[in-house]
Amino acid sequence: MSHTPHPDRRRFLRHAASAAGMGALGAALPFGLNLGALTRASAQSAGGGYRALVCLFFNGGNDAFNTVLATDSASWGHYLYHRRPTDGSTSIALMEAGTAPVSSAAGSAPERLGGVLPISHAGRAVHAGRAFALHPALTRLQAMHQAGRACVVANVGPLTRPTTKADYASPTASKPAKLFSHNDQQSTWQSFKPEGAGEGWGGLMGDLLMSGNGGGRSASDAAIVQRLFTCMTPAQTSVWLAGRAVLPYQSGATGVQALGNAGRIYGNAGLQSAVASVMGGLGGSGGSPTERSSLFVLDQQKLVQRALTASDLLGSQLAPLGNAPWSSAGVTNIYSDPLLKYTSPIDGTQRFNGVALQLQMIARLIDTNRTANLGITRQLFMVNMGGFDTHDNQIAEQADRLASLDHALGYFDNVLSAMPGGDLRSQVTTFTASEFGRSFTSNGDGTDHGWGSHHVVMGGAVNGTEVYGSFPQYSSADSTGAFSSPDQIHNGVLIPSTSVDQYAYTLGKWMGVGQSDLLALLPNLGQFGSGTHDLGFMKA
């Protein structure tokens, strides 16, 4: 009896790969994907030289009000009114700039952290009379901001169009779906759609740029490089990296996932070869004609073959641990490496930094492009960082997360400056994102879900020492709980003034994606004036 392939087999393959977590095997799906209207124009306009984007996503919804603070007198007064209560209840307000830390204070007390860290800005008209600062744990970020290698982008969030308080209150005005929901807003930030989306704006940019990768390689190797190594992550995959042609390659945090190790299984090269033949062969003499001719089987064989090629291309040349600049010389145990440890502001202990480890792997992958001659000119990476859902114990929990972030950013900046192929800080841009900010008001000792949030961008190509976008005006709630500020709704939550589309446009333009392509892949961009698409925080 002949076998007729199920018409939905490719849909099944996509879902199966997604369920498998898109690891080294799942990432090598069949490449017969329709790119639709995607063009080569963006890849051609990208020009020479290497550039990479690194998205650092804060899962849980980071409290922006205590990350980047408005410290002008009026703003600070409203901030203290809602976050430093006078009735003796728990304060979640940080201390004034210049306040010395009190090491004997409890880990949950703002006094232990000391005062906020002032940052400069150029005095743009929209911020006339305003003053800004960072959380006390962000000392390295403050130094990079002042040195011109980092900036703040204020009040960013998903928007379908410029939105006012009246729009928010109107049941007919266009707004993002399922606001305040963790999973839906994570997906909306990354793909402009609620949970269940299959493509993210990072991956779609990768689709447009991938043809510039793999130069100098054979056609088969170039196909692997383009579709698997354009978008990569050292940990869990997210929709942001998924495109129509590119697929997120999950490398692992310390090494490349592979069948066996160094061409061997249990130390036996013959066993590796035999298993590779069985898994990647074309059926051989074993198996029935039906099995050998099944399109499903052939697709699976191609999947395995490409996965094996991908691991060979990366694994054989992956920069080893124990080498500077990403490791302390001679230290191959990641948990013993002082470069991967940060000091917790809560108890002063040294803690292993999993975010720094992910950035270490990204640096090693970037260097492998050089050592393995992969011919990559454009890459997108993603790092996930959890623990930002601070409904309680916010002072301690957020301080520890931000100290870890600050150490990781400083570590990455140092590593990129000393890469074996030369200083790459101007070629790698790191930006933060999170599904939402949090409430201005306290819920007792924490905050609840919000909308708009402030973010930071780091790299040598950043127009630093500035606060971009429009920083919100703060107000205090009246007796009914209403806020007079045009930027604040219930609980003082921020209505974003800068859209994710504009944020993405500015980053994509720097990567070399063409304007027409950006207008096509950023669905809400056309609702914002063309003069506001580029936020100005990236150099040409």
Protein backbone atom coordinates (compact mmCIF):
# COMPACT_ATOMS: atom_id res chain seq x y z
CA MET A 1 0.00 0.00 0.00
CA SER A 2 1.37 3.39 -0.91
CA HIS A 3 1.70 6.09 1.68
CA THR A 4 0.16 9.52 1.12
CA PRO A 5 1.77 12.25 3.23
CA HIS A 6 -0.61 14.16 5.45
CA PRO A 7 -1.23 17.62 3.95
CA ASP A 8 -0.41 19.28 7.27
CA ARG A 9 2.93 17.56 7.79
CA ARG A 10 4.91 20.81 7.57
CA ARG A 11 2.66 22.47 10.12
CA PHE A 12 3.23 19.46 12.35
CA LEU A 13 7.00 19.77 11.90
CA ARG A 14 6.93 23.42 12.88
CA HIS A 15 4.88 22.70 15.98
CA ALA A 16 7.00 19.70 16.91
CA ALA A 17 10.18 21.73 16.63
CA SER A 18 8.68 24.47 18.75
CA ALA A 19 7.64 21.96 21.41
CA ALA A 20 11.15 20.53 21.40
CA GLY A 21 12.50 23.92 22.39
CA MET A 22 14.31 24.66 19.12
CA GLY A 23 17.60 23.18 20.27
CA ALA A 24 20.44 22.18 17.98
CA LEU A 25 18.31 19.51 16.30
CA GLY A 26 15.01 21.35 16.34
CA ALA A 27 16.63 24.43 14.85
CA ALA A 28 17.49 22.66 11.61
CA LEU A 29 14.02 22.43 10.13
CA PRO A 30 13.50 22.05 6.36
CA PHE A 31 14.31 25.21 4.53
CA GLY A 32 11.46 25.20 1.99
CA LEU A 33 9.87 28.27 3.52
CA ASN A 34 8.18 30.97 1.48
CA LEU A 35 9.76 34.35 2.13
CA GLY A 36 6.80 36.11 0.54
CA ALA A 37 7.52 39.77 -0.05
CA LEU A 38 10.87 39.79 1.72
CA THR A 39 13.61 41.23 -0.49
CA ARG A 40 17.36 41.34 -0.67
CA ALA A 41 17.39 45.13 -0.55
CA SER A 42 18.13 45.30 3.15
CA ALA A 43 21.01 42.83 2.96
CA GLN A 44 22.48 44.80 0.09
CA SER A 45 22.17 48.10 1.94
CA ALA A 46 23.74 46.70 5.12
CA GLY A 47 27.23 47.36 3.79
CA GLY A 48 30.48 45.85 4.98
CA GLY A 49 31.57 45.10 8.50
CA TYR A 50 30.04 43.11 11.31
CA ARG A 51 27.10 44.30 13.41
CA ALA A 52 25.06 42.54 16.06
CA LEU A 53 22.05 43.30 18.23
CA VAL A 54 21.72 41.73 21.68
CA CYS A 55 18.25 41.87 23.24
CA LEU A 56 18.31 41.56 27.04
CA PHE A 57 14.73 40.80 28.05
CA PHE A 58 13.56 41.28 31.67
CA ASN A 59 10.91 38.63 32.27
CA GLY A 60 8.30 39.64 34.83
CA GLY A 61 7.97 43.35 34.12
CA ASN A 62 10.73 45.56 35.51
CA ASP A 63 9.79 48.51 37.73
CA ALA A 64 10.97 51.47 35.65
CA PHE A 65 10.14 54.03 38.33
CA ASN A 66 13.02 52.71 40.48
CA THR A 67 15.35 52.00 37.55
CA VAL A 68 15.47 55.43 35.88
CA LEU A 69 14.21 58.17 38.18
CA ALA A 70 13.08 61.74 37.62
CA THR A 71 14.73 63.71 40.44
CA ASP A 72 13.63 67.28 39.68
CA SER A 73 11.76 68.70 42.65
CA ALA A 74 8.20 68.27 41.39
CA SER A 75 8.75 64.70 40.15
CA TRP A 76 10.58 63.66 43.30
CA GLY A 77 7.78 64.98 45.48
CA HIS A 78 5.15 62.90 43.69
CA TYR A 79 7.47 59.89 43.79
CA LEU A 80 7.94 60.13 47.56
CA TYR A 81 4.23 60.69 48.14
CA HIS A 82 3.40 57.30 46.67
CA ARG A 83 6.50 55.30 47.53
CA ARG A 84 7.66 56.61 50.93
CA PRO A 85 4.52 56.57 53.09
CA THR A 86 4.31 58.63 56.28
CA ASP A 87 2.17 56.11 58.15
CA GLY A 88 5.11 53.86 59.04
CA SER A 89 4.40 51.22 56.40
CA THR A 90 7.11 49.82 54.13
CA SER A 91 8.92 52.29 51.89
CA ILE A 92 9.78 51.34 48.32
CA ALA A 93 11.27 54.76 47.56
CA LEU A 94 15.00 54.95 46.94
CA MET A 95 17.18 57.43 48.79
CA GLU A 96 18.12 60.89 47.55
CA ALA A 97 21.29 61.32 45.49
CA GLY A 98 24.38 61.67 47.65
CA THR A 99 23.01 59.58 50.51
CA ALA A 100 25.67 57.21 51.83
CA PRO A 101 24.72 53.53 52.04
CA VAL A 102 24.10 52.12 55.51
CA SER A 103 25.70 48.67 55.57
CA SER A 104 24.01 47.76 58.84
CA ALA A 105 20.52 48.37 57.45
CA ALA A 106 18.30 45.43 56.57
CA GLY A 107 18.55 44.05 53.04
CA SER A 108 14.98 45.17 52.37
CA ALA A 109 15.65 48.76 53.48
CA PRO A 110 16.37 51.48 50.89
CA GLU A 111 18.97 52.92 53.27
CA ARG A 112 21.23 49.93 52.67
CA LEU A 113 21.55 50.85 48.98
CA GLY A 114 22.47 54.51 49.36
CA GLY A 115 21.33 57.31 47.09
CA VAL A 116 20.33 57.25 43.44
CA LEU A 117 23.03 57.91 40.82
CA PRO A 118 22.60 61.14 38.82
CA ILE A 119 23.03 61.00 35.02
CA SER A 120 23.54 63.86 32.60
CA HIS A 121 21.40 64.78 29.62
CA ALA A 122 21.74 67.40 26.94
CA GLY A 123 18.78 69.48 28.03
CA ARG A 124 16.51 68.76 25.06
CA ALA A 125 13.50 71.07 25.10
CA VAL A 126 11.18 68.21 26.02
CA HIS A 127 13.27 67.66 29.17
CA ALA A 128 13.92 71.27 30.12
CA GLY A 129 14.10 71.58 33.89
CA ARG A 130 14.18 67.83 34.41
CA ALA A 131 16.85 65.86 36.28
CA PHE A 132 17.41 62.11 36.12
CA ALA A 133 19.18 59.34 38.01
CA LEU A 134 19.69 55.58 38.02
CA HIS A 135 19.11 52.95 40.68
CA PRO A 136 22.02 52.81 43.19
CA ALA A 137 23.01 49.33 41.96
CA LEU A 138 23.70 50.58 38.42
CA THR A 139 27.15 52.05 39.01
CA ARG A 140 28.78 50.61 35.88
CA LEU A 141 25.85 51.69 33.73
CA GLN A 142 26.13 55.20 35.15
CA ALA A 143 29.83 55.28 34.17
CA MET A 144 29.06 54.02 30.64
CA HIS A 145 26.25 56.58 30.29
CA GLN A 146 28.59 59.38 31.29
CA ALA A 147 31.29 58.02 28.94
CA GLY A 148 28.86 58.15 26.00
CA ARG A 149 28.43 54.39 25.51
CA ALA A 150 24.92 54.11 26.96
CA CYS A 151 21.67 56.01 26.92
CA VAL A 152 18.15 55.86 28.32
CA VAL A 153 15.04 55.58 26.13
CA ALA A 154 12.07 56.78 28.16
CA ASN A 155 8.55 55.40 28.44
CA VAL A 156 8.59 52.72 25.74
CA GLY A 157 5.79 50.21 25.26
CA PRO A 158 3.49 48.51 22.76
CA LEU A 159 1.22 51.00 20.98
CA THR A 160 -0.97 50.64 17.92
CA ARG A 161 -1.05 54.45 17.52
CA PRO A 162 -0.22 57.54 19.63
CA THR A 163 -2.48 57.09 22.66
CA THR A 164 -3.94 59.57 25.16
CA LYS A 165 -5.77 58.98 28.42
CA ALA A 166 -9.04 59.56 26.58
CA ASP A 167 -8.04 56.91 24.05
CA TYR A 168 -7.24 54.49 26.85
CA ALA A 169 -10.65 55.07 28.43
CA SER A 170 -12.49 54.65 25.13
CA PRO A 171 -13.71 51.14 24.35
CA THR A 172 -13.49 51.87 20.61
CA ALA A 173 -9.99 53.38 20.43
CA SER A 174 -7.24 51.14 19.09
CA LYS A 175 -5.01 49.68 21.81
CA PRO A 176 -2.74 46.63 22.13
CA ALA A 177 -4.66 43.47 23.01
CA LYS A 178 -4.51 41.93 26.49
CA LEU A 179 -2.61 44.66 28.30
CA PHE A 180 -1.11 43.78 31.72
CA SER A 181 -0.90 40.03 30.93
CA HIS A 182 2.64 38.66 31.28
CA ASN A 183 2.65 36.13 28.45
CA ASP A 184 0.63 38.24 26.05
CA GLN A 185 2.69 41.39 26.58
CA GLN A 186 5.99 39.50 26.31
CA SER A 187 4.77 38.27 22.94
CA THR A 188 3.44 41.69 21.95
CA TRP A 189 6.77 43.35 22.75
CA GLN A 190 8.58 40.75 20.65
CA SER A 191 6.12 40.17 17.79
CA PHE A 192 3.32 42.80 18.02
CA LYS A 193 0.83 39.99 18.67
CA PRO A 194 -0.44 38.30 21.86
CA GLU A 195 0.75 34.88 22.97
CA GLY A 196 0.82 32.34 20.14
CA ALA A 197 2.65 34.45 17.56
CA GLY A 198 5.16 32.58 15.42
CA GLU A 199 7.40 35.39 14.17
CA GLY A 200 9.21 38.19 16.00
CA TRP A 201 10.63 41.45 14.71
CA GLY A 202 14.17 40.31 15.43
CA GLY A 203 13.72 37.18 13.35
CA LEU A 204 12.04 39.10 10.53
CA MET A 205 15.01 41.47 10.46
CA GLY A 206 17.18 38.37 10.32
CA ASP A 207 15.24 37.18 7.26
CA LEU A 208 16.10 40.43 5.51
CA LEU A 209 19.77 40.42 6.48
CA MET A 210 20.71 36.74 6.32
CA SER A 211 21.76 36.71 2.65
CA GLY A 212 24.78 38.79 3.65
CA ASN A 213 25.98 35.94 5.88
CA GLY A 214 28.01 32.88 4.92
CA GLY A 215 30.27 34.61 2.43
CA GLY A 216 33.17 32.44 1.30
CA ARG A 217 31.48 29.21 2.38
CA SER A 218 30.10 26.44 0.19
CA ALA A 219 26.46 26.77 -0.81
CA SER A 220 25.37 24.11 1.70
CA ASP A 221 27.39 25.63 4.55
CA ALA A 222 26.17 29.13 3.68
CA ALA A 223 22.55 27.94 3.92
CA ILE A 224 23.23 26.64 7.44
CA VAL A 225 25.01 29.83 8.47
CA GLN A 226 22.26 32.06 7.12
CA ARG A 227 19.26 30.26 8.54
CA LEU A 228 20.67 29.04 11.85
CA PHE A 229 23.45 31.41 12.86
CA THR A 230 21.80 34.73 12.00
CA CYS A 231 19.58 34.52 15.11
CA MET A 232 21.05 32.79 18.16
CA THR A 233 20.53 32.40 21.89
CA PRO A 234 22.64 30.74 24.58
CA ALA A 235 19.57 29.82 26.64
CA GLN A 236 15.82 29.62 26.10
CA THR A 237 14.35 30.61 22.76
CA SER A 238 11.76 33.34 22.39
CA VAL A 239 9.51 34.48 19.57
CA TRP A 240 11.61 37.65 19.06
CA LEU A 241 14.29 35.60 17.24
CA ALA A 242 11.90 33.59 15.05
CA GLY A 243 11.52 34.58 11.39
CA ARG A 244 10.04 32.99 8.30
CA ALA A 245 13.37 31.63 7.09
CA VAL A 246 15.77 32.13 9.98
CA LEU A 247 15.33 29.87 12.98
CA PRO A 248 16.62 30.60 16.49
CA TYR A 249 19.70 28.45 17.15
CA GLN A 250 19.96 27.50 20.83
CA SER A 251 23.63 26.92 21.50
CA GLY A 252 23.64 26.18 25.23
CA ALA A 253 25.23 28.42 27.85
CA THR A 254 28.71 26.88 27.84
CA GLY A 255 28.98 24.90 24.61
CA VAL A 256 27.32 23.90 21.37
CA GLN A 257 24.72 21.14 21.53
CA ALA A 258 25.87 18.25 19.40
CA LEU A 259 25.44 14.57 18.67
CA GLY A 260 28.26 13.22 20.83
CA ASN A 261 31.32 15.31 21.59
CA ALA A 262 34.27 16.26 19.37
CA GLY A 263 33.19 13.76 16.70
CA ARG A 264 32.80 10.89 19.17
CA ILE A 265 30.11 9.16 21.20
CA TYR A 266 31.41 7.55 24.40
CA GLY A 267 34.85 8.37 23.02
CA ASN A 268 34.30 6.24 19.91
CA ALA A 269 34.54 7.92 16.50
CA GLY A 270 33.13 4.82 14.75
CA LEU A 271 30.02 4.91 16.92
CA GLN A 272 29.54 8.60 16.12
CA SER A 273 29.80 7.86 12.40
CA ALA A 274 27.38 4.94 12.60
CA VAL A 275 24.76 6.89 14.58
CA ALA A 276 25.08 9.86 12.22
CA SER A 277 24.58 7.51 9.27
CA VAL A 278 21.48 5.92 10.79
CA MET A 279 19.95 9.26 11.83
CA GLY A 280 20.96 11.23 8.78
CA GLY A 281 21.12 8.67 6.01
CA LEU A 282 18.68 8.13 3.18
CA GLY A 283 17.23 4.86 4.39
CA GLY A 284 19.92 2.46 3.18
CA SER A 285 18.99 -1.16 2.65
CA GLY A 286 17.06 -1.22 5.89
CA GLY A 287 13.52 0.01 6.05
CA SER A 288 10.73 -0.47 3.61
CA PRO A 289 10.31 1.49 0.37
CA THR A 290 7.43 3.26 2.07
CA GLU A 291 9.71 4.42 4.88
CA ARG A 292 12.46 5.49 2.50
CA SER A 293 10.09 7.46 0.29
CA SER A 294 8.07 9.11 3.04
CA LEU A 295 8.38 12.86 2.77
CA PHE A 296 8.11 13.05 6.53
CA VAL A 297 11.12 10.74 6.91
CA LEU A 298 13.10 12.63 4.30
CA ASP A 299 12.39 15.92 6.05
CA GLN A 300 13.51 14.43 9.36
CA GLN A 301 16.71 13.13 7.76
CA LYS A 302 17.46 16.55 6.30
CA LEU A 303 16.78 18.07 9.70
CA VAL A 304 19.35 15.79 11.36
CA GLN A 305 21.90 16.26 8.59
CA ARG A 306 21.73 20.01 8.89
CA ALA A 307 21.90 19.85 12.68
CA LEU A 308 25.07 17.75 12.41
CA THR A 309 26.59 20.24 9.97
CA ALA A 310 25.66 23.16 12.22
CA SER A 311 27.28 21.61 15.28
CA ASP A 312 30.40 20.78 13.26
CA LEU A 313 30.69 24.34 11.95
CA LEU A 314 30.42 25.85 15.42
CA GLY A 315 31.71 23.21 17.81
CA SER A 316 35.10 22.63 16.22
CA GLN A 317 36.04 26.32 16.41
CA LEU A 318 34.14 27.57 19.46
CA ALA A 319 36.42 29.76 21.53
CA PRO A 320 37.40 27.76 24.65
CA LEU A 321 36.78 28.69 28.25
CA GLY A 322 39.79 29.66 30.31
CA ASN A 323 40.96 32.25 27.78
CA ALA A 324 40.85 36.01 28.14
CA PRO A 325 38.93 38.20 27.67
CA TRP A 326 35.76 36.22 28.43
CA SER A 327 37.32 34.01 31.13
CA SER A 328 39.95 34.45 33.77
CA ALA A 329 43.11 32.92 32.36
CA GLY A 330 43.20 29.18 33.00
CA VAL A 331 39.79 29.05 34.74
CA THR A 332 37.51 26.61 32.91
CA ASN A 333 35.00 26.08 35.74
CA ILE A 334 32.45 28.83 35.19
CA TYR A 335 31.37 28.76 38.84
CA SER A 336 34.94 29.48 39.98
CA ASP A 337 35.54 32.36 37.62
CA PRO A 338 35.55 35.70 39.46
CA LEU A 339 34.68 37.46 36.20
CA LEU A 340 31.24 35.83 36.36
CA LYS A 341 30.45 36.86 39.94
CA TYR A 342 28.74 39.97 41.22
CA THR A 343 28.35 41.40 44.71
CA SER A 344 24.80 41.31 46.01
CA PRO A 345 23.82 44.66 47.51
CA ILE A 346 21.49 42.82 49.88
CA ASP A 347 24.05 40.88 51.91
CA GLY A 348 27.42 41.68 50.34
CA THR A 349 28.02 38.10 49.19
CA GLN A 350 29.57 37.07 45.88
CA ARG A 351 27.03 35.37 43.62
CA PHE A 352 27.33 33.60 40.29
CA ASN A 353 25.86 35.68 37.47
CA GLY A 354 23.90 33.63 34.95
CA VAL A 355 23.32 36.71 32.78
CA ALA A 356 27.05 37.33 32.49
CA LEU A 357 27.43 33.64 31.54
CA GLN A 358 24.96 34.08 28.67
CA LEU A 359 26.83 37.18 27.48
CA GLN A 360 30.09 35.24 27.76
CA MET A 361 28.69 32.63 25.39
CA ILE A 362 27.58 35.34 22.97
CA ALA A 363 31.10 36.76 22.96
CA ARG A 364 32.50 33.28 22.26
CA LEU A 365 30.01 32.75 19.43
CA ILE A 366 30.90 36.11 17.93
CA ASP A 367 34.59 35.19 18.02
CA THR A 368 33.83 31.84 16.35
CA ASN A 369 32.65 33.79 13.32
CA ARG A 370 36.27 34.94 13.02
CA THR A 371 38.06 31.69 13.87
CA ALA A 372 35.80 29.47 11.74
CA ASN A 373 35.53 31.95 8.84
CA LEU A 374 31.75 31.73 8.85
CA GLY A 375 31.38 34.96 6.88
CA ILE A 376 28.68 36.41 9.14
CA THR A 377 28.06 40.16 8.83
CA ARG A 378 24.78 40.50 10.77
CA GLN A 379 23.59 38.64 13.87
CA LEU A 380 20.87 38.95 16.48
CA PHE A 381 21.14 37.43 19.94
CA MET A 382 18.76 37.21 22.88
CA VAL A 383 19.33 36.86 26.62
CA ASN A 384 16.50 36.31 29.09
CA MET A 385 16.68 37.48 32.69
CA GLY A 386 13.97 36.55 35.19
CA GLY A 387 12.83 37.72 38.61
CA PHE A 388 11.26 41.11 37.84
CA ASP A 389 7.67 40.35 38.89
CA THR A 390 8.11 42.29 42.14
CA HIS A 391 4.69 42.26 43.77
CA ASP A 392 6.46 42.11 47.13
CA ASN A 393 9.89 42.61 48.70
CA GLN A 394 10.67 44.91 45.79
CA ILE A 395 13.59 46.87 47.27
CA ALA A 396 15.66 43.74 47.90
CA GLU A 397 14.55 41.70 44.89
CA GLN A 398 14.97 44.44 42.29
CA ALA A 399 18.26 45.63 43.78
CA ASP A 400 19.73 42.16 43.43
CA ARG A 401 18.45 41.79 39.84
CA LEU A 402 19.79 45.21 38.84
CA ALA A 403 23.16 44.54 40.49
CA SER A 404 23.38 41.36 38.42
CA LEU A 405 22.40 43.33 35.29
CA ASP A 406 24.93 46.07 36.03
CA HIS A 407 27.75 43.57 36.51
CA ALA A 408 26.78 41.69 33.33
CA LEU A 409 26.68 44.86 31.21
CA GLY A 410 30.04 46.00 32.58
CA TYR A 411 31.50 42.55 31.99
CA PHE A 412 30.24 42.47 28.39
CA ASP A 413 31.52 45.97 27.69
CA ASN A 414 34.99 44.95 28.95
CA VAL A 415 34.99 41.68 26.98
CA LEU A 416 33.95 43.35 23.72
CA SER A 417 36.68 45.96 24.14
CA ALA A 418 39.35 43.24 24.30
CA MET A 419 38.15 40.70 21.72
CA PRO A 420 40.93 38.79 19.89
CA GLY A 421 39.90 40.36 16.58
CA GLY A 422 39.85 43.88 18.04
CA ASP A 423 37.49 46.16 19.95
CA LEU A 424 33.90 45.28 18.94
CA ARG A 425 31.99 47.69 21.17
CA SER A 426 30.98 49.85 18.21
CA GLN A 427 29.77 46.79 16.32
CA VAL A 428 27.62 45.19 19.05
CA THR A 429 24.62 47.02 20.51
CA THR A 430 22.82 45.70 23.59
CA PHE A 431 19.33 46.92 24.45
CA THR A 432 16.85 46.07 27.19
CA ALA A 433 13.17 45.17 26.94
CA SER A 434 10.47 43.90 29.29
CA GLU A 435 6.81 43.05 28.84
CA PHE A 436 5.72 46.10 30.86
CA GLY A 437 6.65 48.52 33.60
CA ARG A 438 4.89 48.59 36.93
CA SER A 439 2.56 50.79 38.97
CA PHE A 440 3.67 54.12 40.45
CA THR A 441 1.76 53.28 43.60
CA SER A 442 2.90 50.74 46.18
CA ASN A 443 0.82 47.69 47.02
CA GLY A 444 2.45 47.39 50.45
CA ASP A 445 6.04 46.43 49.71
CA GLY A 446 5.91 45.95 45.95
CA THR A 447 4.23 47.10 42.76
CA ASP A 448 1.68 45.75 40.32
CA HIS A 449 1.56 45.35 36.54
CA GLY A 450 1.96 48.45 34.38
CA TRP A 451 2.50 49.42 30.74
CA GLY A 452 5.17 51.93 29.70
CA SER A 453 8.74 51.46 30.90
CA HIS A 454 12.21 53.00 30.55
CA HIS A 455 15.03 51.10 28.84
CA VAL A 456 18.75 51.37 28.25
CA VAL A 457 20.88 50.87 25.14
CA MET A 458 24.61 50.15 25.39
CA GLY A 459 27.43 50.12 22.83
CA GLY A 460 30.03 52.20 21.08
CA ALA A 461 27.56 53.07 18.31
CA VAL A 462 25.13 54.62 20.80
CA ASN A 463 24.71 58.38 20.99
CA GLY A 464 25.15 58.23 24.74
CA THR A 465 24.84 60.54 27.73
CA GLU A 466 21.24 61.32 26.89
CA VAL A 467 17.63 60.48 27.73
CA TYR A 468 15.65 59.91 24.52
CA GLY A 469 11.92 59.94 23.93
CA SER A 470 9.69 61.93 26.25
CA PHE A 471 10.10 61.32 29.96
CA PRO A 472 6.64 61.30 31.61
CA GLN A 473 5.25 63.92 33.91
CA TYR A 474 4.38 62.54 37.35
CA SER A 475 1.45 63.49 39.54
CA SER A 476 -0.16 62.33 42.79
CA ALA A 477 -3.50 60.61 43.03
CA ASP A 478 -6.45 62.58 44.33
CA SER A 479 -9.00 61.26 46.81
CA THR A 480 -10.65 59.18 44.11
CA GLY A 481 -7.35 57.64 42.99
CA ALA A 482 -7.20 59.66 39.74
CA PHE A 483 -3.92 61.09 38.44
CA SER A 484 -3.83 64.49 36.77
CA SER A 485 -0.75 63.74 34.66
CA PRO A 486 -1.59 63.11 30.99
CA ASP A 487 0.91 60.24 31.11
CA GLN A 488 -0.57 58.28 34.05
CA ILE A 489 -3.69 56.13 34.37
CA HIS A 490 -4.88 53.94 37.26
CA ASN A 491 -2.25 53.33 39.98
CA GLY A 492 -0.01 55.83 38.19
CA VAL A 493 0.73 53.35 35.39
CA LEU A 494 2.42 55.00 32.40
CA ILE A 495 0.84 55.28 28.97
CA PRO A 496 3.84 54.78 26.64
CA SER A 497 4.92 57.85 24.69
CA THR A 498 7.36 55.88 22.49
CA SER A 499 6.24 52.76 20.67
CA VAL A 500 8.10 49.48 20.40
CA ASP A 501 7.86 50.06 16.62
CA GLN A 502 9.94 53.25 16.91
CA TYR A 503 12.45 51.56 19.22
CA ALA A 504 12.76 48.67 16.76
CA TYR A 505 13.00 51.01 13.75
CA THR A 506 15.97 52.85 15.26
CA LEU A 507 17.80 49.59 16.02
CA GLY A 508 16.90 48.02 12.66
CA LYS A 509 18.07 51.07 10.72
CA TRP A 510 21.48 50.80 12.42
CA MET A 511 21.61 47.12 11.46
CA GLY A 512 21.12 48.10 7.82
CA VAL A 513 17.48 47.11 7.29
CA GLY A 514 15.99 49.34 4.61
CA GLN A 515 13.29 51.89 5.41
CA SER A 516 10.65 50.26 3.20
CA ASP A 517 11.34 46.87 4.78
CA LEU A 518 11.07 48.34 8.27
CA LEU A 519 7.74 49.92 7.37
CA ALA A 520 6.57 46.50 6.16
CA LEU A 521 7.63 44.48 9.20
CA LEU A 522 6.74 47.01 11.94
CA PRO A 523 2.93 47.00 11.72
CA ASN A 524 2.15 50.17 13.68
CA LEU A 525 5.00 52.39 12.51
CA GLY A 526 2.88 54.15 9.89
CA GLN A 527 0.63 55.51 12.66
CA PHE A 528 3.53 57.64 13.91
CA GLY A 529 4.91 60.64 12.04
CA SER A 530 7.83 59.76 9.78
CA GLY A 531 9.98 62.34 11.53
CA THR A 532 9.62 60.40 14.79
CA HIS A 533 10.49 56.92 13.49
CA ASP A 534 14.20 57.27 14.20
CA LEU A 535 14.59 58.15 17.89
CA GLY A 536 18.17 59.31 17.33
CA PHE A 537 19.97 57.16 19.87
CA MET A 538 22.12 55.29 17.31
CA LYS A 539 25.00 56.63 15.21
CA ALA A 540 24.94 56.03 11.46
